[in-house]
Amino acid sequence: MIVIEWEGKACGKSEKWGRTKTGVTFVTQKYKLFVASIKAMAMVAMRGYPMWGRDEWVNVQIDTEVGPLRDHHNLIEPILDALEGIVFKNDLYVADLFVMKAKRHHRGSLDRITICINRREVE
């Protein structure tokens, strides 16, 4: 099992797109930084392994502040974007995805979100 650990302020899929006053859409800097930081940790964890490594499962552990009303499953899209090209060629190779959120301790504390990814066998 390959474990990728990351700690910080997470960015969900709803924070990916911004819009200028003239109506032009763009990818936000916050999203780009979040994806880049996850990508950097993935490159360190995958050092010495081919894509998907020797194992079927990849665990991504995230310690982050998650608001009481935040949907933790919205964090999956940016994380899969970050892992593309490092852990797998494309997220269409993901067969199973489990997201587990630990019980909230108290407001302002870090919550652990664990995402387990299983690959799809490709012929």
N, C-alpha and C. Protein backbone atom coordinates (compact mmCIF):
# COMPACT_ATOMS: atom_id res chain seq x y z
N MET A 1 0.84 -1.17 0.00
CA MET A 1 0.00 0.00 0.00
C MET A 1 0.89 1.24 0.00
N ILE A 2 0.57 2.17 -0.84
CA ILE A 2 1.31 3.43 -0.92
C ILE A 2 0.48 4.49 -0.18
N VAL A 3 1.10 5.18 0.73
CA VAL A 3 0.39 6.19 1.51
C VAL A 3 0.93 7.57 1.15
N ILE A 4 0.03 8.46 0.80
CA ILE A 4 0.38 9.84 0.49
C ILE A 4 -0.23 10.69 1.59
N GLU A 5 0.60 11.38 2.36
CA GLU A 5 0.08 12.20 3.46
C GLU A 5 0.22 13.67 3.12
N TRP A 6 -0.78 14.43 3.48
CA TRP A 6 -0.78 15.86 3.21
C TRP A 6 -1.50 16.55 4.35
N GLU A 7 -1.02 17.74 4.71
CA GLU A 7 -1.68 18.51 5.77
C GLU A 7 -1.78 19.96 5.34
N GLY A 8 -2.93 20.55 5.56
CA GLY A 8 -3.13 21.95 5.21
C GLY A 8 -4.58 22.30 5.01
N LYS A 9 -4.83 23.42 4.36
CA LYS A 9 -6.18 23.88 4.08
C LYS A 9 -6.60 23.33 2.72
N ALA A 10 -7.64 22.51 2.71
CA ALA A 10 -8.07 21.85 1.48
C ALA A 10 -8.90 22.78 0.60
N CYS A 11 -8.97 22.42 -0.66
CA CYS A 11 -9.72 23.17 -1.66
C CYS A 11 -10.63 22.18 -2.38
N GLY A 12 -11.92 22.43 -2.37
CA GLY A 12 -12.88 21.52 -2.99
C GLY A 12 -13.14 21.85 -4.45
N LYS A 13 -13.93 20.98 -5.10
CA LYS A 13 -14.20 21.17 -6.52
C LYS A 13 -15.00 22.43 -6.79
N SER A 14 -15.76 22.89 -5.81
CA SER A 14 -16.55 24.11 -6.01
C SER A 14 -15.67 25.36 -6.04
N GLU A 15 -14.42 25.22 -5.62
CA GLU A 15 -13.49 26.35 -5.61
C GLU A 15 -12.53 26.34 -6.81
N LYS A 16 -12.81 25.47 -7.78
CA LYS A 16 -11.92 25.34 -8.93
C LYS A 16 -12.04 26.52 -9.89
N TRP A 17 -13.24 26.95 -10.15
CA TRP A 17 -13.47 27.97 -11.19
C TRP A 17 -13.76 29.34 -10.60
N GLY A 18 -13.17 30.35 -11.22
CA GLY A 18 -13.45 31.74 -10.89
C GLY A 18 -13.95 32.43 -12.16
N ARG A 19 -14.46 33.63 -12.01
CA ARG A 19 -14.96 34.36 -13.16
C ARG A 19 -14.56 35.83 -13.03
N THR A 20 -14.06 36.38 -14.13
CA THR A 20 -13.67 37.79 -14.13
C THR A 20 -14.93 38.65 -14.29
N LYS A 21 -14.76 39.96 -14.14
CA LYS A 21 -15.90 40.88 -14.32
C LYS A 21 -16.46 40.83 -15.73
N THR A 22 -15.62 40.44 -16.69
CA THR A 22 -16.07 40.37 -18.08
C THR A 22 -16.67 39.00 -18.42
N GLY A 23 -16.71 38.09 -17.45
CA GLY A 23 -17.34 36.79 -17.66
C GLY A 23 -16.42 35.68 -18.10
N VAL A 24 -15.11 35.93 -18.14
CA VAL A 24 -14.16 34.90 -18.54
C VAL A 24 -13.92 33.97 -17.35
N THR A 25 -14.02 32.66 -17.60
CA THR A 25 -13.78 31.68 -16.53
C THR A 25 -12.31 31.29 -16.49
N PHE A 26 -11.82 31.02 -15.29
CA PHE A 26 -10.42 30.62 -15.11
C PHE A 26 -10.31 29.70 -13.89
N VAL A 27 -9.24 28.92 -13.86
CA VAL A 27 -8.96 28.06 -12.71
C VAL A 27 -8.31 28.93 -11.64
N THR A 28 -8.85 28.87 -10.43
CA THR A 28 -8.38 29.75 -9.35
C THR A 28 -6.98 29.37 -8.88
N GLN A 29 -6.28 30.34 -8.34
CA GLN A 29 -4.94 30.13 -7.80
C GLN A 29 -4.98 29.18 -6.62
N LYS A 30 -6.02 29.28 -5.79
CA LYS A 30 -6.17 28.41 -4.62
C LYS A 30 -6.23 26.94 -5.07
N TYR A 31 -7.00 26.66 -6.12
CA TYR A 31 -7.13 25.30 -6.65
C TYR A 31 -5.79 24.82 -7.20
N LYS A 32 -5.12 25.68 -7.97
CA LYS A 32 -3.83 25.31 -8.55
C LYS A 32 -2.81 24.98 -7.47
N LEU A 33 -2.76 25.78 -6.40
CA LEU A 33 -1.81 25.54 -5.31
C LEU A 33 -2.12 24.24 -4.57
N PHE A 34 -3.41 23.98 -4.34
CA PHE A 34 -3.81 22.75 -3.65
C PHE A 34 -3.40 21.53 -4.48
N VAL A 35 -3.72 21.54 -5.77
CA VAL A 35 -3.37 20.42 -6.65
C VAL A 35 -1.85 20.25 -6.72
N ALA A 36 -1.12 21.35 -6.82
CA ALA A 36 0.35 21.29 -6.90
C ALA A 36 0.95 20.70 -5.62
N SER A 37 0.40 21.05 -4.47
CA SER A 37 0.96 20.53 -3.21
C SER A 37 0.66 19.04 -3.05
N ILE A 38 -0.52 18.59 -3.45
CA ILE A 38 -0.84 17.16 -3.41
C ILE A 38 0.05 16.41 -4.40
N LYS A 39 0.24 16.99 -5.58
CA LYS A 39 1.08 16.39 -6.63
C LYS A 39 2.51 16.20 -6.13
N ALA A 40 3.03 17.20 -5.43
CA ALA A 40 4.40 17.12 -4.91
C ALA A 40 4.53 15.99 -3.89
N MET A 41 3.55 15.85 -3.01
CA MET A 41 3.59 14.77 -2.02
C MET A 41 3.45 13.40 -2.69
N ALA A 42 2.65 13.34 -3.75
CA ALA A 42 2.47 12.09 -4.47
C ALA A 42 3.78 11.67 -5.16
N MET A 43 4.50 12.65 -5.71
CA MET A 43 5.77 12.33 -6.38
C MET A 43 6.78 11.77 -5.38
N VAL A 44 6.80 12.31 -4.19
CA VAL A 44 7.70 11.80 -3.15
C VAL A 44 7.30 10.37 -2.77
N ALA A 45 6.00 10.14 -2.56
CA ALA A 45 5.53 8.82 -2.14
C ALA A 45 5.72 7.76 -3.23
N MET A 46 5.65 8.17 -4.49
CA MET A 46 5.74 7.21 -5.60
C MET A 46 7.18 7.02 -6.08
N ARG A 47 8.14 7.71 -5.48
CA ARG A 47 9.53 7.58 -5.91
C ARG A 47 9.96 6.11 -5.84
N GLY A 48 10.47 5.61 -6.97
CA GLY A 48 10.91 4.22 -7.01
C GLY A 48 9.84 3.23 -7.44
N TYR A 49 8.60 3.69 -7.56
CA TYR A 49 7.51 2.83 -7.99
C TYR A 49 7.08 3.23 -9.40
N PRO A 50 6.69 2.26 -10.21
CA PRO A 50 6.07 2.64 -11.49
C PRO A 50 4.66 3.15 -11.20
N MET A 51 3.99 3.69 -12.20
CA MET A 51 2.62 4.15 -12.00
C MET A 51 1.79 3.02 -11.43
N TRP A 52 1.03 3.28 -10.43
CA TRP A 52 0.22 2.36 -9.64
C TRP A 52 1.06 1.51 -8.72
N GLY A 53 2.37 1.58 -8.81
CA GLY A 53 3.21 0.82 -7.88
C GLY A 53 2.98 -0.67 -8.02
N ARG A 54 3.36 -1.41 -6.99
CA ARG A 54 3.19 -2.86 -6.99
C ARG A 54 1.85 -3.24 -6.40
N ASP A 55 1.19 -2.30 -5.80
CA ASP A 55 -0.02 -2.59 -5.04
C ASP A 55 -1.27 -2.16 -5.79
N GLU A 56 -2.36 -2.70 -5.36
CA GLU A 56 -3.64 -2.35 -5.97
C GLU A 56 -4.24 -1.10 -5.33
N TRP A 57 -3.95 -0.86 -4.08
CA TRP A 57 -4.57 0.25 -3.36
C TRP A 57 -3.59 1.38 -3.14
N VAL A 58 -4.09 2.58 -3.23
CA VAL A 58 -3.31 3.76 -2.87
C VAL A 58 -4.12 4.50 -1.81
N ASN A 59 -3.51 4.77 -0.68
CA ASN A 59 -4.19 5.51 0.37
C ASN A 59 -3.71 6.95 0.37
N VAL A 60 -4.63 7.87 0.43
CA VAL A 60 -4.30 9.28 0.53
C VAL A 60 -4.87 9.76 1.85
N GLN A 61 -4.01 10.20 2.75
CA GLN A 61 -4.47 10.72 4.04
C GLN A 61 -4.33 12.22 4.03
N ILE A 62 -5.40 12.89 4.40
CA ILE A 62 -5.39 14.34 4.41
C ILE A 62 -5.81 14.81 5.80
N ASP A 63 -4.97 15.60 6.43
CA ASP A 63 -5.34 16.26 7.68
C ASP A 63 -5.64 17.70 7.32
N THR A 64 -6.87 18.08 7.47
CA THR A 64 -7.27 19.41 7.03
C THR A 64 -8.40 19.94 7.89
N GLU A 65 -8.55 21.24 7.90
CA GLU A 65 -9.70 21.82 8.57
C GLU A 65 -10.88 21.74 7.63
N VAL A 66 -11.93 21.09 8.10
CA VAL A 66 -13.15 20.96 7.31
C VAL A 66 -14.27 21.57 8.12
N GLY A 67 -14.96 22.54 7.54
CA GLY A 67 -16.07 23.19 8.25
C GLY A 67 -17.19 22.20 8.54
N PRO A 68 -18.04 22.49 9.50
CA PRO A 68 -19.09 21.56 9.89
C PRO A 68 -20.09 21.28 8.77
N LEU A 69 -20.23 22.19 7.83
CA LEU A 69 -21.18 22.01 6.74
C LEU A 69 -20.50 21.59 5.44
N ARG A 70 -19.21 21.41 5.45
CA ARG A 70 -18.47 21.08 4.23
C ARG A 70 -18.65 19.62 3.86
N ASP A 71 -18.88 19.37 2.58
CA ASP A 71 -18.98 18.00 2.09
C ASP A 71 -17.58 17.51 1.75
N HIS A 72 -17.07 16.58 2.54
CA HIS A 72 -15.71 16.10 2.33
C HIS A 72 -15.55 15.36 1.01
N HIS A 73 -16.64 14.86 0.42
CA HIS A 73 -16.52 14.17 -0.86
C HIS A 73 -16.21 15.14 -2.01
N ASN A 74 -16.37 16.45 -1.78
CA ASN A 74 -16.02 17.43 -2.81
C ASN A 74 -14.51 17.60 -2.95
N LEU A 75 -13.75 17.01 -2.05
CA LEU A 75 -12.28 17.08 -2.13
C LEU A 75 -11.70 16.05 -3.09
N ILE A 76 -12.52 15.10 -3.54
CA ILE A 76 -12.01 14.00 -4.36
C ILE A 76 -11.53 14.49 -5.73
N GLU A 77 -12.30 15.33 -6.40
CA GLU A 77 -11.94 15.76 -7.75
C GLU A 77 -10.57 16.43 -7.81
N PRO A 78 -10.27 17.41 -6.94
CA PRO A 78 -8.94 18.01 -6.99
C PRO A 78 -7.82 17.01 -6.66
N ILE A 79 -8.09 16.08 -5.77
CA ILE A 79 -7.08 15.09 -5.41
C ILE A 79 -6.81 14.15 -6.58
N LEU A 80 -7.86 13.71 -7.26
CA LEU A 80 -7.67 12.85 -8.43
C LEU A 80 -6.94 13.62 -9.54
N ASP A 81 -7.26 14.91 -9.70
CA ASP A 81 -6.53 15.74 -10.68
C ASP A 81 -5.05 15.77 -10.37
N ALA A 82 -4.71 15.85 -9.08
CA ALA A 82 -3.31 15.93 -8.67
C ALA A 82 -2.58 14.61 -8.89
N LEU A 83 -3.28 13.49 -8.73
CA LEU A 83 -2.64 12.19 -8.84
C LEU A 83 -2.48 11.71 -10.28
N GLU A 84 -3.20 12.36 -11.19
CA GLU A 84 -3.10 11.98 -12.61
C GLU A 84 -1.68 12.20 -13.11
N GLY A 85 -1.17 11.21 -13.81
CA GLY A 85 0.17 11.29 -14.37
C GLY A 85 1.26 10.87 -13.40
N ILE A 86 0.91 10.67 -12.14
CA ILE A 86 1.88 10.24 -11.14
C ILE A 86 1.51 8.86 -10.62
N VAL A 87 0.29 8.73 -10.13
CA VAL A 87 -0.18 7.47 -9.59
C VAL A 87 -0.88 6.65 -10.68
N PHE A 88 -1.64 7.34 -11.52
CA PHE A 88 -2.32 6.68 -12.64
C PHE A 88 -2.34 7.63 -13.83
N LYS A 89 -2.49 7.05 -15.04
CA LYS A 89 -2.49 7.88 -16.25
C LYS A 89 -3.69 8.80 -16.30
N ASN A 90 -4.84 8.28 -15.93
CA ASN A 90 -6.08 9.04 -16.00
C ASN A 90 -7.00 8.50 -14.92
N ASP A 91 -7.87 9.35 -14.38
CA ASP A 91 -8.73 8.87 -13.31
C ASP A 91 -9.80 7.88 -13.78
N LEU A 92 -9.89 7.62 -15.08
CA LEU A 92 -10.80 6.58 -15.54
C LEU A 92 -10.29 5.19 -15.13
N TYR A 93 -9.03 5.09 -14.70
CA TYR A 93 -8.47 3.83 -14.22
C TYR A 93 -8.87 3.55 -12.77
N VAL A 94 -9.54 4.48 -12.13
CA VAL A 94 -9.98 4.29 -10.74
C VAL A 94 -11.25 3.46 -10.76
N ALA A 95 -11.21 2.31 -10.10
CA ALA A 95 -12.38 1.43 -10.05
C ALA A 95 -13.19 1.65 -8.78
N ASP A 96 -12.52 1.72 -7.65
CA ASP A 96 -13.19 1.90 -6.36
C ASP A 96 -12.59 3.08 -5.64
N LEU A 97 -13.43 3.80 -4.96
CA LEU A 97 -12.99 4.99 -4.24
C LEU A 97 -13.78 5.06 -2.95
N PHE A 98 -13.09 5.08 -1.83
CA PHE A 98 -13.74 5.17 -0.53
C PHE A 98 -13.23 6.43 0.17
N VAL A 99 -14.14 7.19 0.73
CA VAL A 99 -13.76 8.39 1.47
C VAL A 99 -14.28 8.22 2.88
N MET A 100 -13.35 8.26 3.85
CA MET A 100 -13.73 8.13 5.24
C MET A 100 -13.31 9.37 6.00
N LYS A 101 -14.23 9.93 6.75
CA LYS A 101 -13.93 11.11 7.54
C LYS A 101 -14.02 10.74 9.01
N ALA A 102 -12.98 11.03 9.74
CA ALA A 102 -12.98 10.75 11.18
C ALA A 102 -14.00 11.66 11.87
N LYS A 103 -14.47 11.23 13.00
CA LYS A 103 -15.43 12.04 13.75
C LYS A 103 -14.78 13.35 14.16
N ARG A 104 -15.51 14.44 14.01
CA ARG A 104 -15.00 15.77 14.35
C ARG A 104 -14.69 15.85 15.85
N HIS A 105 -13.51 16.38 16.14
CA HIS A 105 -13.12 16.54 17.55
C HIS A 105 -13.74 17.81 18.12
N HIS A 106 -13.31 18.94 17.64
CA HIS A 106 -13.93 20.21 18.03
C HIS A 106 -13.59 21.25 16.97
N ARG A 107 -14.35 22.30 16.96
CA ARG A 107 -14.21 23.34 15.93
C ARG A 107 -12.78 23.87 15.87
N GLY A 108 -12.24 23.95 14.66
CA GLY A 108 -10.90 24.47 14.47
C GLY A 108 -9.80 23.42 14.53
N SER A 109 -10.16 22.19 14.92
CA SER A 109 -9.14 21.15 14.96
C SER A 109 -9.03 20.49 13.58
N LEU A 110 -7.91 19.82 13.35
CA LEU A 110 -7.72 19.15 12.07
C LEU A 110 -8.53 17.86 12.04
N ASP A 111 -9.21 17.64 10.93
CA ASP A 111 -9.96 16.41 10.72
C ASP A 111 -9.18 15.54 9.74
N ARG A 112 -9.15 14.25 9.98
CA ARG A 112 -8.46 13.35 9.06
C ARG A 112 -9.47 12.80 8.06
N ILE A 113 -9.12 12.94 6.81
CA ILE A 113 -9.92 12.37 5.73
C ILE A 113 -9.03 11.36 5.03
N THR A 114 -9.48 10.13 4.94
CA THR A 114 -8.71 9.08 4.27
C THR A 114 -9.44 8.69 3.00
N ILE A 115 -8.72 8.70 1.90
CA ILE A 115 -9.28 8.32 0.61
C ILE A 115 -8.53 7.10 0.13
N CYS A 116 -9.22 5.99 -0.08
CA CYS A 116 -8.61 4.76 -0.58
C CYS A 116 -9.01 4.59 -2.04
N ILE A 117 -8.05 4.38 -2.89
CA ILE A 117 -8.30 4.28 -4.32
C ILE A 117 -7.84 2.91 -4.80
N ASN A 118 -8.70 2.21 -5.53
CA ASN A 118 -8.37 0.92 -6.11
C ASN A 118 -8.34 1.05 -7.62
N ARG A 119 -7.38 0.44 -8.26
CA ARG A 119 -7.24 0.58 -9.70
C ARG A 119 -8.19 -0.36 -10.44
N ARG A 120 -8.46 0.01 -11.67
CA ARG A 120 -9.26 -0.81 -12.57
C ARG A 120 -8.29 -1.60 -13.44
N GLU A 121 -8.55 -2.88 -13.59
CA GLU A 121 -7.72 -3.70 -14.47
C GLU A 121 -8.03 -3.31 -15.91
N VAL A 122 -7.03 -2.94 -16.66
CA VAL A 122 -7.21 -2.53 -18.04
C VAL A 122 -6.58 -3.58 -18.95
N GLU A 123 -7.35 -3.99 -19.94
CA GLU A 123 -6.84 -5.02 -20.86
C GLU A 123 -6.04 -4.41 -21.96
